[in-house]
C-alpha atoms as a PDB file:
ATOM      1  CA  MET A   1      14.322  10.768 -35.842  1.00  0.00           C
ATOM      2  CA  LYS A   2      15.281   8.525 -32.983  1.00  0.00           C
ATOM      3  CA  LYS A   3      12.815   6.712 -30.738  1.00  0.00           C
ATOM      4  CA  PHE A   4      11.516   8.480 -27.593  1.00  0.00           C
ATOM      5  CA  LYS A   5      13.527   7.732 -24.500  1.00  0.00           C
ATOM      6  CA  PHE A   6      12.685   9.313 -21.154  1.00  0.00           C
ATOM      7  CA  ARG A   7      15.794  10.790 -19.658  1.00  0.00           C
ATOM      8  CA  TYR A   8      14.863   9.936 -16.058  1.00  0.00           C
ATOM      9  CA  GLN A   9      13.457   6.465 -16.750  1.00  0.00           C
ATOM     10  CA  SER A  10      15.663   4.820 -14.098  1.00  0.00           C
ATOM     11  CA  ILE A  11      14.487   7.281 -11.449  1.00  0.00           C
ATOM     12  CA  HIS A  12      10.881   6.762 -12.577  1.00  0.00           C
ATOM     13  CA  LYS A  13      11.276   3.001 -12.291  1.00  0.00           C
ATOM     14  CA  MET A  14      12.913   3.343  -8.876  1.00  0.00           C
ATOM     15  CA  ARG A  15       9.983   5.445  -7.634  1.00  0.00           C
ATOM     16  CA  MET A  16       7.456   2.963  -9.042  1.00  0.00           C
ATOM     17  CA  ASP A  17       9.320   0.126  -7.328  1.00  0.00           C
ATOM     18  CA  ASN A  18       9.366   2.086  -4.073  1.00  0.00           C
ATOM     19  CA  GLU A  19       5.619   2.609  -4.302  1.00  0.00           C
ATOM     20  CA  GLU A  20       5.083  -1.081  -4.948  1.00  0.00           C
ATOM     21  CA  ARG A  21       7.291  -2.004  -1.997  1.00  0.00           C
ATOM     22  CA  VAL A  22       5.341   0.272   0.340  1.00  0.00           C
ATOM     23  CA  LYS A  23       2.057  -1.201  -0.957  1.00  0.00           C
ATOM     24  CA  ASN A  24       3.326  -4.698  -0.181  1.00  0.00           C
ATOM     25  CA  GLU A  25       4.449  -3.677   3.316  1.00  0.00           C
ATOM     26  CA  LEU A  26       1.022  -2.120   3.922  1.00  0.00           C
ATOM     27  CA  ALA A  27      -0.678  -5.321   2.783  1.00  0.00           C
ATOM     28  CA  VAL A  28       1.461  -7.306   5.247  1.00  0.00           C
ATOM     29  CA  LEU A  29       0.404  -4.954   8.044  1.00  0.00           C
ATOM     30  CA  PHE A  30      -3.255  -5.365   7.137  1.00  0.00           C
ATOM     31  CA  GLY A  31      -2.760  -9.153   7.201  1.00  0.00           C
ATOM     32  CA  LYS A  32      -1.130  -8.904  10.612  1.00  0.00           C
ATOM     33  CA  LYS A  33      -4.019  -6.782  11.879  1.00  0.00           C
ATOM     34  CA  GLN A  34      -6.532  -9.302  10.581  1.00  0.00           C
ATOM     35  CA  LYS A  35      -4.706 -12.144  12.357  1.00  0.00           C
ATOM     36  CA  LEU A  36      -4.780 -10.179  15.589  1.00  0.00           C
ATOM     37  CA  LEU A  37      -8.488  -9.451  15.191  1.00  0.00           C
ATOM     38  CA  ASP A  38      -9.108 -13.151  14.600  1.00  0.00           C
ATOM     39  CA  GLN A  39      -7.040 -13.963  17.677  1.00  0.00           C
ATOM     40  CA  LEU A  40      -9.090 -11.457  19.696  1.00  0.00           C
ATOM     41  CA  ASN A  41     -12.316 -13.024  18.485  1.00  0.00           C
ATOM     42  CA  GLN A  42     -11.066 -16.472  19.453  1.00  0.00           C
ATOM     43  CA  LEU A  43     -10.139 -15.212  22.918  1.00  0.00           C
ATOM     44  CA  MET A  44     -13.578 -13.678  23.330  1.00  0.00           C
ATOM     45  CA  ASP A  45     -15.221 -16.938  22.259  1.00  0.00           C
ATOM     46  CA  LYS A  46     -13.073 -18.902  24.711  1.00  0.00           C
ATOM     47  CA  GLU A  47     -13.832 -16.394  27.472  1.00  0.00           C
ATOM     48  CA  SER A  48     -17.543 -16.681  26.734  1.00  0.00           C
ATOM     49  CA  ALA A  49     -17.340 -20.474  26.948  1.00  0.00           C
ATOM     50  CA  TYR A  50     -15.359 -20.136  30.198  1.00  0.00           C
ATOM     51  CA  LEU A  51     -17.974 -17.817  31.695  1.00  0.00           C
ATOM     52  CA  LYS A  52     -20.714 -20.292  30.768  1.00  0.00           C
ATOM     53  CA  TRP A  53     -18.738 -23.039  32.447  1.00  0.00           C
ATOM     54  CA  ILE A  54     -18.402 -20.843  35.573  1.00  0.00           C
ATOM     55  CA  GLU A  55     -22.131 -20.225  35.571  1.00  0.00           C
ATOM     56  CA  LYS A  56     -22.752 -23.940  35.370  1.00  0.00           C
ATOM     57  CA  ALA A  57     -20.224 -24.593  38.160  1.00  0.00           C
ATOM     58  CA  PHE A  58     -21.903 -22.051  40.433  1.00  0.00           C
ATOM     59  CA  SER A  59     -25.303 -23.595  39.815  1.00  0.00           C
ATOM     60  CA  GLU A  60     -23.876 -27.038  40.770  1.00  0.00           C
ATOM     61  CA  GLY A  61     -21.945 -25.620  43.677  1.00  0.00           C
ATOM     62  CA  ILE A  62     -18.195 -25.043  43.898  1.00  0.00           C
ATOM     63  CA  LYS A  63     -15.541 -25.539  46.540  1.00  0.00           C
ATOM     64  CA  PRO A  64     -13.713 -22.546  48.039  1.00  0.00           C
ATOM     65  CA  TYR A  65     -10.343 -23.374  46.430  1.00  0.00           C
ATOM     66  CA  GLU A  66     -12.013 -23.335  43.004  1.00  0.00           C
ATOM     67  CA  MET A  67     -12.902 -19.635  43.517  1.00  0.00           C
ATOM     68  CA  ASN A  68      -9.223 -18.709  43.207  1.00  0.00           C
ATOM     69  CA  GLN A  69      -8.905 -20.740  40.020  1.00  0.00           C
ATOM     70  CA  ILE A  70     -11.999 -19.063  38.592  1.00  0.00           C
ATOM     71  CA  SER A  71     -10.630 -15.631  39.488  1.00  0.00           C
ATOM     72  CA  ASP A  72      -7.267 -16.509  37.927  1.00  0.00           C
ATOM     73  CA  GLY A  73      -9.006 -17.714  34.777  1.00  0.00           C
ATOM     74  CA  LYS A  74     -10.982 -14.481  34.429  1.00  0.00           C
ATOM     75  CA  SER A  75      -7.870 -12.351  34.913  1.00  0.00           C
ATOM     76  CA  PHE A  76      -5.977 -14.537  32.397  1.00  0.00           C
ATOM     77  CA  TYR A  77      -8.536 -13.803  29.662  1.00  0.00           C
ATOM     78  CA  LYS A  78      -8.595 -10.133  30.592  1.00  0.00           C
ATOM     79  CA  ARG A  79      -4.787  -9.854  30.322  1.00  0.00           C
ATOM     80  CA  GLN A  80      -4.736 -11.757  27.058  1.00  0.00           C
ATOM     81  CA  LYS A  81      -7.413  -9.524  25.501  1.00  0.00           C
ATOM     82  CA  GLU A  82      -5.626  -6.374  26.649  1.00  0.00           C
ATOM     83  CA  ALA A  83      -2.325  -7.629  25.186  1.00  0.00           C
ATOM     84  CA  VAL A  84      -3.955  -8.378  21.829  1.00  0.00           C
ATOM     85  CA  LYS A  85      -5.746  -5.006  21.841  1.00  0.00           C
ATOM     86  CA  GLN A  86      -2.405  -3.294  22.497  1.00  0.00           C
ATOM     87  CA  GLN A  87      -0.835  -5.163  19.595  1.00  0.00           C
ATOM     88  CA  ILE A  88      -3.747  -4.144  17.359  1.00  0.00           C
ATOM     89  CA  GLU A  89      -3.242  -0.512  18.374  1.00  0.00           C
ATOM     90  CA  GLN A  90       0.475  -0.745  17.549  1.00  0.00           C
ATOM     91  CA  VAL A  91      -0.331  -2.269  14.149  1.00  0.00           C
ATOM     92  CA  ASN A  92      -2.884   0.498  13.541  1.00  0.00           C
ATOM     93  CA  GLN A  93      -0.186   3.083  14.228  1.00  0.00           C
ATOM     94  CA  SER A  94       2.157   1.276  11.840  1.00  0.00           C
ATOM     95  CA  ILE A  95      -0.578   1.170   9.224  1.00  0.00           C
ATOM     96  CA  THR A  96      -1.144   4.927   9.560  1.00  0.00           C
ATOM     97  CA  ALA A  97       2.580   5.602   9.196  1.00  0.00           C
ATOM     98  CA  LYS A  98       2.805   3.262   6.203  1.00  0.00           C
ATOM     99  CA  GLN A  99      -0.204   4.947   4.576  1.00  0.00           C
ATOM    100  CA  ASP A 100       1.545   8.303   4.929  1.00  0.00           C
ATOM    101  CA  GLU A 101       4.661   6.787   3.384  1.00  0.00           C
ATOM    102  CA  LEU A 102       2.562   5.379   0.522  1.00  0.00           C
ATOM    103  CA  LEU A 103       0.999   8.799  -0.031  1.00  0.00           C
ATOM    104  CA  GLU A 104       4.470  10.320  -0.407  1.00  0.00           C
ATOM    105  CA  ALA A 105       5.570   7.544  -2.729  1.00  0.00           C
ATOM    106  CA  VAL A 106       2.517   8.066  -4.937  1.00  0.00           C
ATOM    107  CA  LYS A 107       3.215  11.811  -5.060  1.00  0.00           C
ATOM    108  CA  GLU A 108       6.806  11.221  -6.096  1.00  0.00           C
ATOM    109  CA  ARG A 109       5.747   8.776  -8.788  1.00  0.00           C
ATOM    110  CA  LYS A 110       3.097  11.151 -10.133  1.00  0.00           C
ATOM    111  CA  ILE A 111       5.682  13.922 -10.355  1.00  0.00           C
ATOM    112  CA  MET A 112       7.805  11.633 -12.519  1.00  0.00           C
ATOM    113  CA  ASP A 113       4.738  10.683 -14.596  1.00  0.00           C
ATOM    114  CA  LYS A 114       4.110  14.387 -15.289  1.00  0.00           C
ATOM    115  CA  LEU A 115       7.734  14.921 -16.241  1.00  0.00           C
ATOM    116  CA  LYS A 116       7.573  11.936 -18.574  1.00  0.00           C
ATOM    117  CA  GLU A 117       4.346  13.196 -20.115  1.00  0.00           C
ATOM    118  CA  LYS A 118       5.838  16.647 -20.715  1.00  0.00           C
ATOM    119  CA  ALA A 119       8.991  15.122 -22.187  1.00  0.00           C
ATOM    120  CA  LEU A 120       6.884  12.984 -24.534  1.00  0.00           C
ATOM    121  CA  GLU A 121       4.867  16.016 -25.642  1.00  0.00           C
ATOM    122  CA  LYS A 122       8.086  17.913 -26.305  1.00  0.00           C
ATOM    123  CA  TYR A 123       9.454  14.945 -28.256  1.00  0.00           C
ATOM    124  CA  ILE A 124       6.298  14.762 -30.364  1.00  0.00           C
ATOM    125  CA  GLU A 125       6.459  18.510 -31.088  1.00  0.00           C
ATOM    126  CA  GLU A 126      10.097  18.217 -32.136  1.00  0.00           C
ATOM    127  CA  TYR A 127       9.316  15.156 -34.251  1.00  0.00           C
ATOM    128  CA  ASN A 128       6.410  16.942 -35.963  1.00  0.00           C
ATOM    129  CA  ALA A 129       8.571  20.010 -36.566  1.00  0.00           C
ATOM    130  CA  GLN A 130      11.278  17.822 -38.099  1.00  0.00           C
ATOM    131  CA  GLU A 131       8.680  16.099 -40.305  1.00  0.00           C
ATOM    132  CA  MET A 132       7.295  19.438 -41.446  1.00  0.00           C
ATOM    133  CA  LYS A 133      10.829  20.636 -42.245  1.00  0.00           C
ATOM    134  CA  THR A 134      11.524  17.470 -44.243  1.00  0.00           C
ATOM    135  CA  ILE A 135       8.245  17.775 -46.158  1.00  0.00           C
ATOM    136  CA  GLU A 136       8.999  21.463 -46.883  1.00  0.00           C
ATOM    137  CA  GLU A 137      12.459  20.580 -48.166  1.00  0.00           C
ATOM    138  CA  ILE A 138      10.964  17.903 -50.454  1.00  0.00           C
ATOM    139  CA  VAL A 139       8.366  20.342 -51.783  1.00  0.00           C
ATOM    140  CA  ASN A 140      11.006  23.036 -52.357  1.00  0.00           C
ATOM    141  CA  TYR A 141      13.293  20.547 -54.083  1.00  0.00           C
ATOM    142  CA  LYS A 142      10.466  19.444 -56.450  1.00  0.00           C
ATOM    143  CA  ASN A 143       9.479  23.067 -57.129  1.00  0.00           C
ATOM    144  CA  ASN A 144      13.064  24.039 -57.818  1.00  0.00           C
ATOM    145  CA  LYS A 145      13.554  20.994 -60.025  1.00  0.00           C
ATOM    146  CA  SER A 146      10.456  21.708 -62.115  1.00  0.00           C
ATOM    147  CA  THR A 147      11.269  25.410 -62.520  1.00  0.00           C
ATOM    148  CA  GLY A 148      14.820  24.576 -63.507  1.00  0.00           C
ATOM    149  CA  GLU A 149      16.689  26.373 -60.809  1.00  0.00           C
END
């Protein structure tokens, strides 16, 4: 009997490739999120250092025109943090959408895995039936030969 060949192997491979592609895209999104979180942490560290500098400047005494610069500096860090937080939220939404897409891709692949498994079981049953038929024919031939028919 011929070797087992899954009829829908190309579709199965396509679905496995699709799942792998979605996994890679999800990994890229997680990397992007991590970069943004690192950027947010750096901004918070810089803001903390800036606030310490302001504290020091107030203790030493500041000029009136420096108050505007200090205010501008505080608002700069606030805007930057909000922008990064917004980007993180957008990436989180993309991650959620990509996770849903991955879930669908996994379902599609598992459907094909089940079909392949059932096809293999059917092939094995047919192969075993053919083997039994061949063995029966051999036994009948030997019996017929020895009895002289």
